[in-house]
């Protein structure tokens, strides 16, 4: 069904976003990300004590592609 659209102001469209005006059957945004984090990185809360005196994070990655998006 046709739609009438007035003025549109687009400030930004980031990666994995979709901007559409008009009819559409399906929309499927896709993205991927790789996060390196050491021990205790994602802890949240009050009064957390973490001892990481002998901790290390290995970020070596020998392959070129981990998650291909097509």
PDB file of N, CA and C in Angstrom:
ATOM      1  N   UNK A   1       0.841  -1.156   0.000  1.00  0.00           N
ATOM      2  CA  UNK A   1       0.000   0.000   0.000  1.00  0.00           C
ATOM      3  C   UNK A   1       0.896   1.232   0.000  1.00  0.00           C
ATOM      4  N   UNK A   2       0.690   2.141  -0.905  1.00  0.00           N
ATOM      5  CA  UNK A   2       1.523   3.338  -0.988  1.00  0.00           C
ATOM      6  C   UNK A   2       1.391   4.203   0.259  1.00  0.00           C
ATOM      7  N   UNK A   3       2.471   4.861   0.614  1.00  0.00           N
ATOM      8  CA  UNK A   3       2.471   5.742   1.765  1.00  0.00           C
ATOM      9  C   UNK A   3       2.915   7.131   1.330  1.00  0.00           C
ATOM     10  N   UNK A   4       2.321   8.138   1.924  1.00  0.00           N
ATOM     11  CA  UNK A   4       2.741   9.515   1.677  1.00  0.00           C
ATOM     12  C   UNK A   4       3.611   9.935   2.850  1.00  0.00           C
ATOM     13  N   UNK A   5       4.811  10.380   2.527  1.00  0.00           N
ATOM     14  CA  UNK A   5       5.773  10.749   3.560  1.00  0.00           C
ATOM     15  C   UNK A   5       6.105  12.226   3.393  1.00  0.00           C
ATOM     16  N   UNK A   6       6.094  12.937   4.497  1.00  0.00           N
ATOM     17  CA  UNK A   6       6.457  14.347   4.475  1.00  0.00           C
ATOM     18  C   UNK A   6       7.962  14.518   4.497  1.00  0.00           C
ATOM     19  N   UNK A   7       8.416  15.632   4.993  1.00  0.00           N
ATOM     20  CA  UNK A   7       9.849  15.912   5.058  1.00  0.00           C
ATOM     21  C   UNK A   7      10.533  14.951   6.019  1.00  0.00           C
ATOM     22  N   UNK A   8      11.709  14.493   5.624  1.00  0.00           N
ATOM     23  CA  UNK A   8      12.495  13.574   6.442  1.00  0.00           C
ATOM     24  C   UNK A   8      13.892  14.155   6.596  1.00  0.00           C
ATOM     25  N   UNK A   9      14.391  14.195   7.818  1.00  0.00           N
ATOM     26  CA  UNK A   9      15.742  14.656   8.078  1.00  0.00           C
ATOM     27  C   UNK A   9      16.528  13.511   8.702  1.00  0.00           C
ATOM     28  N   UNK A  10      17.543  13.048   8.005  1.00  0.00           N
ATOM     29  CA  UNK A  10      18.374  11.948   8.488  1.00  0.00           C
ATOM     30  C   UNK A  10      19.675  12.541   9.014  1.00  0.00           C
ATOM     31  N   UNK A  11      19.931  12.354  10.286  1.00  0.00           N
ATOM     32  CA  UNK A  11      21.158  12.860  10.887  1.00  0.00           C
ATOM     33  C   UNK A  11      22.306  11.892  10.653  1.00  0.00           C
ATOM     34  N   UNK A  12      22.069  10.629  10.945  1.00  0.00           N
ATOM     35  CA  UNK A  12      23.114   9.630  10.752  1.00  0.00           C
ATOM     36  C   UNK A  12      22.488   8.251  10.583  1.00  0.00           C
ATOM     37  N   UNK A  13      23.149   7.423   9.810  1.00  0.00           N
ATOM     38  CA  UNK A  13      22.781   6.022   9.667  1.00  0.00           C
ATOM     39  C   UNK A  13      24.058   5.233   9.889  1.00  0.00           C
ATOM     40  N   UNK A  14      24.115   4.508  10.987  1.00  0.00           N
ATOM     41  CA  UNK A  14      25.337   3.794  11.332  1.00  0.00           C
ATOM     42  C   UNK A  14      25.342   2.398  10.728  1.00  0.00           C
ATOM     43  N   UNK A  15      26.445   1.700  10.900  1.00  0.00           N
ATOM     44  CA  UNK A  15      26.532   0.330  10.404  1.00  0.00           C
ATOM     45  C   UNK A  15      25.513  -0.533  11.135  1.00  0.00           C
ATOM     46  N   UNK A  16      25.047  -1.543  10.499  1.00  0.00           N
ATOM     47  CA  UNK A  16      24.001  -2.457  10.961  1.00  0.00           C
ATOM     48  C   UNK A  16      22.674  -1.737  11.187  1.00  0.00           C
ATOM     49  N   UNK A  17      22.464  -0.618  10.505  1.00  0.00           N
ATOM     50  CA  UNK A  17      21.199   0.108  10.580  1.00  0.00           C
ATOM     51  C   UNK A  17      20.461  -0.002   9.257  1.00  0.00           C
ATOM     52  N   UNK A  18      19.184   0.298   9.306  1.00  0.00           N
ATOM     53  CA  UNK A  18      18.365   0.289   8.103  1.00  0.00           C
ATOM     54  C   UNK A  18      17.594   1.595   8.040  1.00  0.00           C
ATOM     55  N   UNK A  19      17.619   2.226   6.892  1.00  0.00           N
ATOM     56  CA  UNK A  19      16.810   3.417   6.659  1.00  0.00           C
ATOM     57  C   UNK A  19      15.929   3.120   5.460  1.00  0.00           C
ATOM     58  N   UNK A  20      14.635   3.192   5.641  1.00  0.00           N
ATOM     59  CA  UNK A  20      13.709   2.848   4.567  1.00  0.00           C
ATOM     60  C   UNK A  20      12.556   3.836   4.544  1.00  0.00           C
ATOM     61  N   UNK A  21      12.196   4.255   3.350  1.00  0.00           N
ATOM     62  CA  UNK A  21      10.982   5.042   3.146  1.00  0.00           C
ATOM     63  C   UNK A  21      10.201   4.337   2.055  1.00  0.00           C
ATOM     64  N   UNK A  22       8.984   3.936   2.384  1.00  0.00           N
ATOM     65  CA  UNK A  22       8.159   3.255   1.401  1.00  0.00           C
ATOM     66  C   UNK A  22       7.853   1.834   1.810  1.00  0.00           C
ATOM     67  N   UNK A  23       7.329   1.091   0.868  1.00  0.00           N
ATOM     68  CA  UNK A  23       6.922  -0.285   1.129  1.00  0.00           C
ATOM     69  C   UNK A  23       8.145  -1.198   1.178  1.00  0.00           C
ATOM     70  N   UNK A  24       8.070  -2.178   2.047  1.00  0.00           N
ATOM     71  CA  UNK A  24       9.161  -3.138   2.167  1.00  0.00           C
ATOM     72  C   UNK A  24       8.577  -4.471   2.616  1.00  0.00           C
ATOM     73  N   UNK A  25       9.137  -5.555   2.105  1.00  0.00           N
ATOM     74  CA  UNK A  25       8.664  -6.887   2.485  1.00  0.00           C
ATOM     75  C   UNK A  25       9.346  -7.352   3.769  1.00  0.00           C
ATOM     76  N   UNK A  26      10.667  -7.259   3.793  1.00  0.00           N
ATOM     77  CA  UNK A  26      11.409  -7.673   4.979  1.00  0.00           C
ATOM     78  C   UNK A  26      12.689  -6.858   5.092  1.00  0.00           C
ATOM     79  N   UNK A  27      13.123  -6.617   6.327  1.00  0.00           N
ATOM     80  CA  UNK A  27      14.384  -5.922   6.572  1.00  0.00           C
ATOM     81  C   UNK A  27      15.164  -6.732   7.596  1.00  0.00           C
ATOM     82  N   UNK A  28      16.472  -6.887   7.365  1.00  0.00           N
ATOM     83  CA  UNK A  28      17.275  -7.741   8.218  1.00  0.00           C
ATOM     84  C   UNK A  28      18.658  -7.133   8.412  1.00  0.00           C
ATOM     85  N   UNK A  29      18.852  -6.274   9.420  1.00  0.00           N
ATOM     86  CA  UNK A  29      20.192  -5.728   9.647  1.00  0.00           C
ATOM     87  C   UNK A  29      21.128  -6.790  10.220  1.00  0.00           C
ATOM     88  N   UNK A  30      22.378  -6.780   9.794  1.00  0.00           N
ATOM     89  CA  UNK A  30      23.344  -7.778  10.227  1.00  0.00           C
ATOM     90  C   UNK A  30      24.641  -7.073  10.603  1.00  0.00           C
ATOM     91  N   UNK A  31      25.252  -7.496  11.701  1.00  0.00           N
ATOM     92  CA  UNK A  31      26.555  -6.967  12.080  1.00  0.00           C
ATOM     93  C   UNK A  31      27.313  -8.030  12.862  1.00  0.00           C
ATOM     94  N   UNK A  32      28.605  -7.816  12.980  1.00  0.00           N
ATOM     95  CA  UNK A  32      29.422  -8.708  13.799  1.00  0.00           C
ATOM     96  C   UNK A  32      30.481  -7.875  14.503  1.00  0.00           C
ATOM     97  N   UNK A  33      30.964  -8.386  15.609  1.00  0.00           N
ATOM     98  CA  UNK A  33      31.988  -7.675  16.379  1.00  0.00           C
ATOM     99  C   UNK A  33      32.837  -8.684  17.130  1.00  0.00           C
ATOM    100  N   UNK A  34      34.075  -8.312  17.378  1.00  0.00           N
ATOM    101  CA  UNK A  34      34.971  -9.148  18.170  1.00  0.00           C
ATOM    102  C   UNK A  34      35.453  -8.324  19.351  1.00  0.00           C
ATOM    103  N   UNK A  35      35.348  -8.879  20.537  1.00  0.00           N
ATOM    104  CA  UNK A  35      35.729  -8.166  21.746  1.00  0.00           C
ATOM    105  C   UNK A  35      36.791  -8.950  22.489  1.00  0.00           C
ATOM    106  N   UNK A  36      37.892  -8.288  22.771  1.00  0.00           N
ATOM    107  CA  UNK A  36      38.932  -8.882  23.610  1.00  0.00           C
ATOM    108  C   UNK A  36      38.807  -8.274  24.997  1.00  0.00           C
ATOM    109  N   UNK A  37      38.785  -9.113  26.006  1.00  0.00           N
ATOM    110  CA  UNK A  37      38.694  -8.605  27.369  1.00  0.00           C
ATOM    111  C   UNK A  37      39.398  -9.582  28.308  1.00  0.00           C
ATOM    112  N   UNK A  38      40.074  -9.040  29.259  1.00  0.00           N
ATOM    113  CA  UNK A  38      40.790  -9.854  30.225  1.00  0.00           C
ATOM    114  C   UNK A  38      39.890 -10.300  31.362  1.00  0.00           C
ATOM    115  N   UNK A  39      40.458 -11.061  32.274  1.00  0.00           N
ATOM    116  CA  UNK A  39      39.699 -11.542  33.413  1.00  0.00           C
ATOM    117  C   UNK A  39      39.165 -10.396  34.256  1.00  0.00           C
ATOM    118  N   UNK A  40      37.917 -10.461  34.630  1.00  0.00           N
ATOM    119  CA  UNK A  40      37.304  -9.428  35.448  1.00  0.00           C
ATOM    120  C   UNK A  40      36.847  -8.206  34.690  1.00  0.00           C
ATOM    121  N   UNK A  41      36.888  -8.231  33.360  1.00  0.00           N
ATOM    122  CA  UNK A  41      36.545  -7.046  32.580  1.00  0.00           C
ATOM    123  C   UNK A  41      35.064  -6.699  32.626  1.00  0.00           C
ATOM    124  N   UNK A  42      34.196  -7.679  32.644  1.00  0.00           N
ATOM    125  CA  UNK A  42      32.767  -7.417  32.557  1.00  0.00           C
ATOM    126  C   UNK A  42      32.057  -7.553  33.903  1.00  0.00           C
ATOM    127  N   UNK A  43      32.802  -7.500  34.986  1.00  0.00           N
ATOM    128  CA  UNK A  43      32.190  -7.537  36.310  1.00  0.00           C
ATOM    129  C   UNK A  43      31.509  -6.205  36.599  1.00  0.00           C
ATOM    130  N   UNK A  44      30.318  -6.269  37.166  1.00  0.00           N
ATOM    131  CA  UNK A  44      29.611  -5.050  37.557  1.00  0.00           C
ATOM    132  C   UNK A  44      29.128  -5.197  38.988  1.00  0.00           C
ATOM    133  N   UNK A  45      28.912  -4.085  39.637  1.00  0.00           N
ATOM    134  CA  UNK A  45      28.407  -4.122  41.000  1.00  0.00           C
ATOM    135  C   UNK A  45      29.297  -3.337  41.943  1.00  0.00           C
ATOM    136  N   UNK A  46      28.891  -3.295  43.183  1.00  0.00           N
ATOM    137  CA  UNK A  46      29.625  -2.554  44.205  1.00  0.00           C
ATOM    138  C   UNK A  46      30.483  -3.513  45.021  1.00  0.00           C
ATOM    139  N   UNK A  47      31.694  -3.105  45.333  1.00  0.00           N
ATOM    140  CA  UNK A  47      32.550  -3.874  46.224  1.00  0.00           C
ATOM    141  C   UNK A  47      33.143  -5.133  45.632  1.00  0.00           C
ATOM    142  N   UNK A  48      33.346  -5.195  44.334  1.00  0.00           N
ATOM    143  CA  UNK A  48      33.943  -6.380  43.711  1.00  0.00           C
ATOM    144  C   UNK A  48      35.458  -6.299  43.851  1.00  0.00           C
ATOM    145  N   UNK A  49      36.059  -7.382  44.301  1.00  0.00           N
ATOM    146  CA  UNK A  49      37.510  -7.472  44.418  1.00  0.00           C
ATOM    147  C   UNK A  49      37.988  -8.608  43.533  1.00  0.00           C
ATOM    148  N   UNK A  50      38.864  -8.298  42.583  1.00  0.00           N
ATOM    149  CA  UNK A  50      39.391  -9.286  41.648  1.00  0.00           C
ATOM    150  C   UNK A  50      40.907  -9.248  41.729  1.00  0.00           C
ATOM    151  N   UNK A  51      41.542 -10.407  41.911  1.00  0.00           N
ATOM    152  CA  UNK A  51      42.996 -10.507  41.960  1.00  0.00           C
ATOM    153  C   UNK A  51      43.483 -11.092  40.645  1.00  0.00           C
ATOM    154  N   UNK A  52      44.137 -10.272  39.832  1.00  0.00           N
ATOM    155  CA  UNK A  52      44.591 -10.702  38.506  1.00  0.00           C
ATOM    156  C   UNK A  52      46.102 -10.546  38.362  1.00  0.00           C
ATOM    157  N   UNK A  53      46.835 -10.911  39.377  1.00  0.00           N
ATOM    158  CA  UNK A  53      48.282 -10.701  39.339  1.00  0.00           C
ATOM    159  C   UNK A  53      48.966 -11.546  38.271  1.00  0.00           C
ATOM    160  N   UNK A  54      48.435 -12.710  37.947  1.00  0.00           N
ATOM    161  CA  UNK A  54      49.059 -13.571  36.940  1.00  0.00           C
ATOM    162  C   UNK A  54      48.134 -13.807  35.756  1.00  0.00           C
ATOM    163  N   UNK A  55      47.297 -12.845  35.429  1.00  0.00           N
ATOM    164  CA  UNK A  55      46.350 -12.977  34.325  1.00  0.00           C
ATOM    165  C   UNK A  55      46.892 -12.312  33.067  1.00  0.00           C
ATOM    166  N   UNK A  56      46.589 -12.901  31.923  1.00  0.00           N
ATOM    167  CA  UNK A  56      46.936 -12.290  30.639  1.00  0.00           C
ATOM    168  C   UNK A  56      45.843 -12.629  29.624  1.00  0.00           C
ATOM    169  N   UNK A  57      45.716 -11.774  28.634  1.00  0.00           N
ATOM    170  CA  UNK A  57      44.722 -11.990  27.577  1.00  0.00           C
ATOM    171  C   UNK A  57      45.454 -12.177  26.266  1.00  0.00           C
ATOM    172  N   UNK A  58      45.252 -13.319  25.621  1.00  0.00           N
ATOM    173  CA  UNK A  58      45.891 -13.626  24.348  1.00  0.00           C
ATOM    174  C   UNK A  58      44.996 -13.111  23.226  1.00  0.00           C
ATOM    175  N   UNK A  59      45.484 -12.146  22.451  1.00  0.00           N
ATOM    176  CA  UNK A  59      44.680 -11.576  21.367  1.00  0.00           C
ATOM    177  C   UNK A  59      45.221 -11.950  19.992  1.00  0.00           C
ATOM    178  N   UNK A  60      46.108 -12.940  19.930  1.00  0.00           N
ATOM    179  CA  UNK A  60      46.621 -13.384  18.638  1.00  0.00           C
ATOM    180  C   UNK A  60      45.537 -14.136  17.891  1.00  0.00           C
ATOM    181  N   UNK A  61      45.313 -13.764  16.638  1.00  0.00           N
ATOM    182  CA  UNK A  61      44.287 -14.395  15.811  1.00  0.00           C
ATOM    183  C   UNK A  61      44.896 -14.666  14.444  1.00  0.00           C
ATOM    184  N   UNK A  62      45.158 -15.924  14.132  1.00  0.00           N
ATOM    185  CA  UNK A  62      45.878 -16.255  12.901  1.00  0.00           C
ATOM    186  C   UNK A  62      45.004 -16.236  11.651  1.00  0.00           C
ATOM    187  N   UNK A  63      43.713 -16.479  11.786  1.00  0.00           N
ATOM    188  CA  UNK A  63      42.872 -16.481  10.586  1.00  0.00           C
ATOM    189  C   UNK A  63      42.450 -15.051  10.236  1.00  0.00           C
ATOM    190  N   UNK A  64      42.012 -14.858   8.991  1.00  0.00           N
ATOM    191  CA  UNK A  64      41.653 -13.526   8.514  1.00  0.00           C
ATOM    192  C   UNK A  64      40.194 -13.178   8.786  1.00  0.00           C
ATOM    193  N   UNK A  65      39.305 -14.152   8.691  1.00  0.00           N
ATOM    194  CA  UNK A  65      37.878 -13.894   8.820  1.00  0.00           C
ATOM    195  C   UNK A  65      37.283 -14.804   9.891  1.00  0.00           C
ATOM    196  N   UNK A  66      36.519 -14.236  10.800  1.00  0.00           N
ATOM    197  CA  UNK A  66      35.862 -15.028  11.818  1.00  0.00           C
ATOM    198  C   UNK A  66      34.376 -15.201  11.513  1.00  0.00           C
ATOM    199  N   UNK A  67      33.701 -14.112  11.190  1.00  0.00           N
ATOM    200  CA  UNK A  67      32.274 -14.150  10.863  1.00  0.00           C
ATOM    201  C   UNK A  67      32.065 -13.392   9.565  1.00  0.00           C
ATOM    202  N   UNK A  68      31.916 -14.117   8.489  1.00  0.00           N
ATOM    203  CA  UNK A  68      31.704 -13.442   7.208  1.00  0.00           C
ATOM    204  C   UNK A  68      30.241 -13.065   7.064  1.00  0.00           C
ATOM    205  N   UNK A  69      29.993 -11.883   6.593  1.00  0.00           N
ATOM    206  CA  UNK A  69      28.636 -11.397   6.363  1.00  0.00           C
ATOM    207  C   UNK A  69      28.467 -11.165   4.885  1.00  0.00           C
ATOM    208  N   UNK A  70      27.468 -11.784   4.311  1.00  0.00           N
ATOM    209  CA  UNK A  70      27.212 -11.571   2.890  1.00  0.00           C
ATOM    210  C   UNK A  70      25.765 -11.228   2.657  1.00  0.00           C
TER     211      UNK A  70
END
